[in-house]
Amino acid sequence: MTDFCSTLPANEARTNFYKILDEVNDKLCQVTVTLRGKTKAVIMSAEEFASWQETLEIMTDKKLRKEIKKGWQEIKAGKGIRERQANKILGW
């Protein structure tokens, strides 16, 4: 199978649409679609799109970003807890 995880002109993307859907879901990659040499769309799996949305949500939450930064600073300073302890606290 041709690797479609790249950039394709719209007519080629239309011809190979179902193969592209399989590729982006199997390999978690994106396919950029161009029309007359200009980027017009990106095709990606729904799973990857949801992940990107979640990341954007986190990045726009100032309070959460502050907490993440504080956590990393504590880990760097040796104040973090070990994975085993965290798993016990979380009940994993």
N, C-alpha and C. Protein backbone atom coordinates (compact mmCIF):
# COMPACT_ATOMS: atom_id res chain seq x y z
N MET A 1 0.84 -1.19 0.00
CA MET A 1 0.00 0.00 0.00
C MET A 1 0.88 1.24 0.00
N THR A 2 0.50 2.21 -0.75
CA THR A 2 1.22 3.48 -0.79
C THR A 2 1.08 4.21 0.53
N ASP A 3 2.13 4.84 0.98
CA ASP A 3 2.09 5.61 2.22
C ASP A 3 1.50 6.98 1.93
N PHE A 4 0.30 7.23 2.41
CA PHE A 4 -0.38 8.50 2.14
C PHE A 4 -0.13 9.54 3.21
N CYS A 5 0.72 9.24 4.18
CA CYS A 5 0.97 10.18 5.28
C CYS A 5 1.90 11.28 4.78
N SER A 6 1.32 12.18 4.01
CA SER A 6 2.12 13.23 3.39
C SER A 6 1.19 14.31 2.86
N THR A 7 1.57 14.92 1.76
CA THR A 7 0.76 15.94 1.10
C THR A 7 0.30 15.41 -0.24
N LEU A 8 -0.99 15.59 -0.51
CA LEU A 8 -1.56 15.13 -1.77
C LEU A 8 -2.41 16.21 -2.40
N PRO A 9 -2.41 16.29 -3.74
CA PRO A 9 -3.35 17.19 -4.40
C PRO A 9 -4.78 16.67 -4.20
N ALA A 10 -5.75 17.56 -4.22
CA ALA A 10 -7.14 17.20 -3.94
C ALA A 10 -7.66 16.08 -4.84
N ASN A 11 -7.32 16.10 -6.11
CA ASN A 11 -7.84 15.05 -7.00
C ASN A 11 -7.31 13.67 -6.62
N GLU A 12 -6.04 13.60 -6.19
CA GLU A 12 -5.47 12.32 -5.75
C GLU A 12 -6.07 11.89 -4.41
N ALA A 13 -6.31 12.85 -3.53
CA ALA A 13 -6.93 12.55 -2.24
C ALA A 13 -8.35 12.03 -2.47
N ARG A 14 -9.09 12.62 -3.38
CA ARG A 14 -10.45 12.16 -3.67
C ARG A 14 -10.42 10.73 -4.20
N THR A 15 -9.51 10.45 -5.12
CA THR A 15 -9.40 9.11 -5.70
C THR A 15 -9.07 8.06 -4.65
N ASN A 16 -8.27 8.43 -3.67
CA ASN A 16 -7.77 7.47 -2.67
C ASN A 16 -8.35 7.70 -1.28
N PHE A 17 -9.53 8.31 -1.21
CA PHE A 17 -10.09 8.74 0.06
C PHE A 17 -10.17 7.62 1.10
N TYR A 18 -10.68 6.46 0.74
CA TYR A 18 -10.85 5.37 1.71
C TYR A 18 -9.50 4.81 2.16
N LYS A 19 -8.53 4.78 1.28
CA LYS A 19 -7.18 4.35 1.67
C LYS A 19 -6.57 5.36 2.65
N ILE A 20 -6.81 6.63 2.39
CA ILE A 20 -6.30 7.67 3.28
C ILE A 20 -6.91 7.52 4.66
N LEU A 21 -8.22 7.26 4.73
CA LEU A 21 -8.87 7.07 6.03
C LEU A 21 -8.24 5.92 6.79
N ASP A 22 -7.95 4.83 6.09
CA ASP A 22 -7.28 3.70 6.73
C ASP A 22 -5.90 4.09 7.24
N GLU A 23 -5.14 4.79 6.41
CA GLU A 23 -3.77 5.18 6.77
C GLU A 23 -3.74 6.08 8.00
N VAL A 24 -4.58 7.11 8.02
CA VAL A 24 -4.53 8.05 9.15
C VAL A 24 -4.98 7.40 10.44
N ASN A 25 -5.84 6.39 10.35
CA ASN A 25 -6.27 5.68 11.55
C ASN A 25 -5.27 4.64 11.99
N ASP A 26 -4.64 3.94 11.04
CA ASP A 26 -3.67 2.91 11.39
C ASP A 26 -2.35 3.48 11.87
N LYS A 27 -1.91 4.57 11.28
CA LYS A 27 -0.57 5.11 11.57
C LYS A 27 -0.59 6.39 12.38
N LEU A 28 -1.78 6.89 12.71
CA LEU A 28 -1.92 8.15 13.44
C LEU A 28 -1.06 9.26 12.82
N CYS A 29 -1.21 9.42 11.52
CA CYS A 29 -0.51 10.48 10.81
C CYS A 29 -1.54 11.42 10.18
N GLN A 30 -1.08 12.45 9.56
CA GLN A 30 -1.97 13.40 8.91
C GLN A 30 -1.66 13.44 7.42
N VAL A 31 -2.68 13.74 6.64
CA VAL A 31 -2.51 13.94 5.21
C VAL A 31 -2.96 15.36 4.90
N THR A 32 -2.07 16.13 4.32
CA THR A 32 -2.39 17.49 3.92
C THR A 32 -2.90 17.46 2.50
N VAL A 33 -4.02 18.14 2.26
CA VAL A 33 -4.64 18.16 0.94
C VAL A 33 -4.47 19.56 0.36
N THR A 34 -3.96 19.60 -0.87
CA THR A 34 -3.75 20.88 -1.55
C THR A 34 -4.69 21.01 -2.75
N LEU A 35 -4.97 22.24 -3.10
CA LEU A 35 -5.75 22.56 -4.29
C LEU A 35 -5.03 23.69 -5.01
N ARG A 36 -4.64 23.40 -6.22
CA ARG A 36 -3.87 24.36 -7.03
C ARG A 36 -2.61 24.83 -6.28
N GLY A 37 -1.98 23.88 -5.58
CA GLY A 37 -0.72 24.16 -4.90
C GLY A 37 -0.84 24.81 -3.54
N LYS A 38 -2.07 25.10 -3.09
CA LYS A 38 -2.26 25.74 -1.78
C LYS A 38 -2.91 24.75 -0.81
N THR A 39 -2.41 24.74 0.42
CA THR A 39 -2.97 23.86 1.44
C THR A 39 -4.41 24.26 1.73
N LYS A 40 -5.30 23.26 1.67
CA LYS A 40 -6.72 23.53 1.89
C LYS A 40 -7.30 22.77 3.07
N ALA A 41 -6.73 21.59 3.40
CA ALA A 41 -7.28 20.79 4.48
C ALA A 41 -6.24 19.79 4.98
N VAL A 42 -6.53 19.26 6.16
CA VAL A 42 -5.71 18.20 6.74
C VAL A 42 -6.66 17.09 7.19
N ILE A 43 -6.32 15.87 6.83
CA ILE A 43 -7.12 14.71 7.25
C ILE A 43 -6.32 13.98 8.33
N MET A 44 -6.98 13.75 9.47
CA MET A 44 -6.35 13.01 10.57
C MET A 44 -7.42 12.16 11.24
N SER A 45 -6.98 11.20 12.05
CA SER A 45 -7.94 10.35 12.73
C SER A 45 -8.72 11.16 13.77
N ALA A 46 -9.92 10.69 14.08
CA ALA A 46 -10.73 11.34 15.10
C ALA A 46 -10.03 11.27 16.46
N GLU A 47 -9.34 10.15 16.71
CA GLU A 47 -8.60 9.99 17.97
C GLU A 47 -7.51 11.04 18.11
N GLU A 48 -6.76 11.26 17.03
CA GLU A 48 -5.69 12.26 17.09
C GLU A 48 -6.27 13.66 17.22
N PHE A 49 -7.35 13.94 16.52
CA PHE A 49 -7.99 15.25 16.60
C PHE A 49 -8.45 15.53 18.03
N ALA A 50 -9.07 14.53 18.68
CA ALA A 50 -9.51 14.70 20.06
C ALA A 50 -8.32 14.98 20.98
N SER A 51 -7.20 14.31 20.72
CA SER A 51 -6.00 14.53 21.51
C SER A 51 -5.49 15.96 21.36
N TRP A 52 -5.50 16.44 20.12
CA TRP A 52 -5.07 17.82 19.87
C TRP A 52 -6.00 18.80 20.59
N GLN A 53 -7.31 18.54 20.54
CA GLN A 53 -8.26 19.42 21.22
C GLN A 53 -8.01 19.45 22.72
N GLU A 54 -7.74 18.29 23.30
CA GLU A 54 -7.46 18.21 24.73
C GLU A 54 -6.20 19.00 25.08
N THR A 55 -5.17 18.87 24.25
CA THR A 55 -3.93 19.61 24.48
C THR A 55 -4.17 21.11 24.42
N LEU A 56 -4.93 21.56 23.44
CA LEU A 56 -5.26 22.99 23.32
C LEU A 56 -6.04 23.48 24.53
N GLU A 57 -6.95 22.64 25.01
CA GLU A 57 -7.74 23.00 26.19
C GLU A 57 -6.83 23.19 27.40
N ILE A 58 -5.89 22.28 27.57
CA ILE A 58 -4.93 22.38 28.68
C ILE A 58 -4.07 23.63 28.53
N MET A 59 -3.59 23.87 27.31
CA MET A 59 -2.69 25.00 27.09
C MET A 59 -3.38 26.35 27.28
N THR A 60 -4.70 26.41 27.15
CA THR A 60 -5.40 27.68 27.32
C THR A 60 -5.91 27.87 28.75
N ASP A 61 -5.71 26.89 29.61
CA ASP A 61 -6.14 26.97 31.00
C ASP A 61 -4.96 27.44 31.85
N LYS A 62 -4.94 28.72 32.19
CA LYS A 62 -3.80 29.29 32.92
C LYS A 62 -3.56 28.61 34.26
N LYS A 63 -4.64 28.30 34.97
CA LYS A 63 -4.50 27.67 36.28
C LYS A 63 -3.87 26.28 36.14
N LEU A 64 -4.33 25.51 35.17
CA LEU A 64 -3.79 24.18 34.96
C LEU A 64 -2.33 24.23 34.52
N ARG A 65 -2.00 25.17 33.61
CA ARG A 65 -0.60 25.31 33.18
C ARG A 65 0.29 25.65 34.37
N LYS A 66 -0.21 26.48 35.25
CA LYS A 66 0.56 26.86 36.45
C LYS A 66 0.80 25.64 37.33
N GLU A 67 -0.22 24.81 37.51
CA GLU A 67 -0.10 23.60 38.32
C GLU A 67 0.89 22.61 37.70
N ILE A 68 0.84 22.46 36.38
CA ILE A 68 1.77 21.57 35.69
C ILE A 68 3.20 22.06 35.87
N LYS A 69 3.40 23.37 35.70
CA LYS A 69 4.74 23.95 35.86
C LYS A 69 5.24 23.75 37.29
N LYS A 70 4.36 23.95 38.26
CA LYS A 70 4.73 23.77 39.66
C LYS A 70 5.13 22.31 39.91
N GLY A 71 4.38 21.38 39.34
CA GLY A 71 4.70 19.96 39.50
C GLY A 71 6.06 19.62 38.93
N TRP A 72 6.36 20.13 37.74
CA TRP A 72 7.67 19.87 37.13
C TRP A 72 8.80 20.46 37.97
N GLN A 73 8.57 21.65 38.53
CA GLN A 73 9.60 22.26 39.38
C GLN A 73 9.84 21.43 40.63
N GLU A 74 8.77 20.86 41.18
CA GLU A 74 8.92 20.01 42.37
C GLU A 74 9.68 18.73 42.03
N ILE A 75 9.38 18.16 40.87
CA ILE A 75 10.10 16.95 40.44
C ILE A 75 11.58 17.25 40.26
N LYS A 76 11.88 18.37 39.60
CA LYS A 76 13.29 18.75 39.39
C LYS A 76 14.00 18.98 40.72
N ALA A 77 13.28 19.48 41.70
CA ALA A 77 13.88 19.76 43.01
C ALA A 77 13.92 18.51 43.89
N GLY A 78 13.48 17.38 43.37
CA GLY A 78 13.50 16.14 44.13
C GLY A 78 12.37 16.01 45.12
N LYS A 79 11.33 16.82 44.96
CA LYS A 79 10.21 16.80 45.90
C LYS A 79 9.04 15.94 45.42
N GLY A 80 9.19 15.36 44.25
CA GLY A 80 8.12 14.53 43.71
C GLY A 80 8.02 13.21 44.44
N ILE A 81 6.97 12.46 44.13
CA ILE A 81 6.83 11.14 44.73
C ILE A 81 7.13 10.09 43.65
N ARG A 82 7.48 8.90 44.10
CA ARG A 82 7.81 7.82 43.17
C ARG A 82 6.54 7.28 42.52
N GLU A 83 6.74 6.67 41.35
CA GLU A 83 5.62 6.14 40.58
C GLU A 83 4.78 5.18 41.41
N ARG A 84 5.44 4.32 42.17
CA ARG A 84 4.72 3.33 42.98
C ARG A 84 3.80 4.03 43.99
N GLN A 85 4.31 5.12 44.60
CA GLN A 85 3.49 5.87 45.55
C GLN A 85 2.30 6.53 44.85
N ALA A 86 2.55 7.10 43.68
CA ALA A 86 1.49 7.76 42.92
C ALA A 86 0.41 6.75 42.54
N ASN A 87 0.82 5.58 42.09
CA ASN A 87 -0.14 4.54 41.71
C ASN A 87 -0.99 4.12 42.90
N LYS A 88 -0.36 4.02 44.08
CA LYS A 88 -1.09 3.64 45.29
C LYS A 88 -2.11 4.71 45.64
N ILE A 89 -1.71 5.98 45.57
CA ILE A 89 -2.62 7.10 45.87
C ILE A 89 -3.80 7.10 44.91
N LEU A 90 -3.50 6.83 43.62
CA LEU A 90 -4.54 6.84 42.59
C LEU A 90 -5.37 5.56 42.56
N GLY A 91 -4.91 4.57 43.28
CA GLY A 91 -5.61 3.30 43.31
C GLY A 91 -5.41 2.46 42.06
N TRP A 92 -4.26 2.61 41.43
CA TRP A 92 -3.97 1.85 40.20
C TRP A 92 -3.23 0.60 40.52
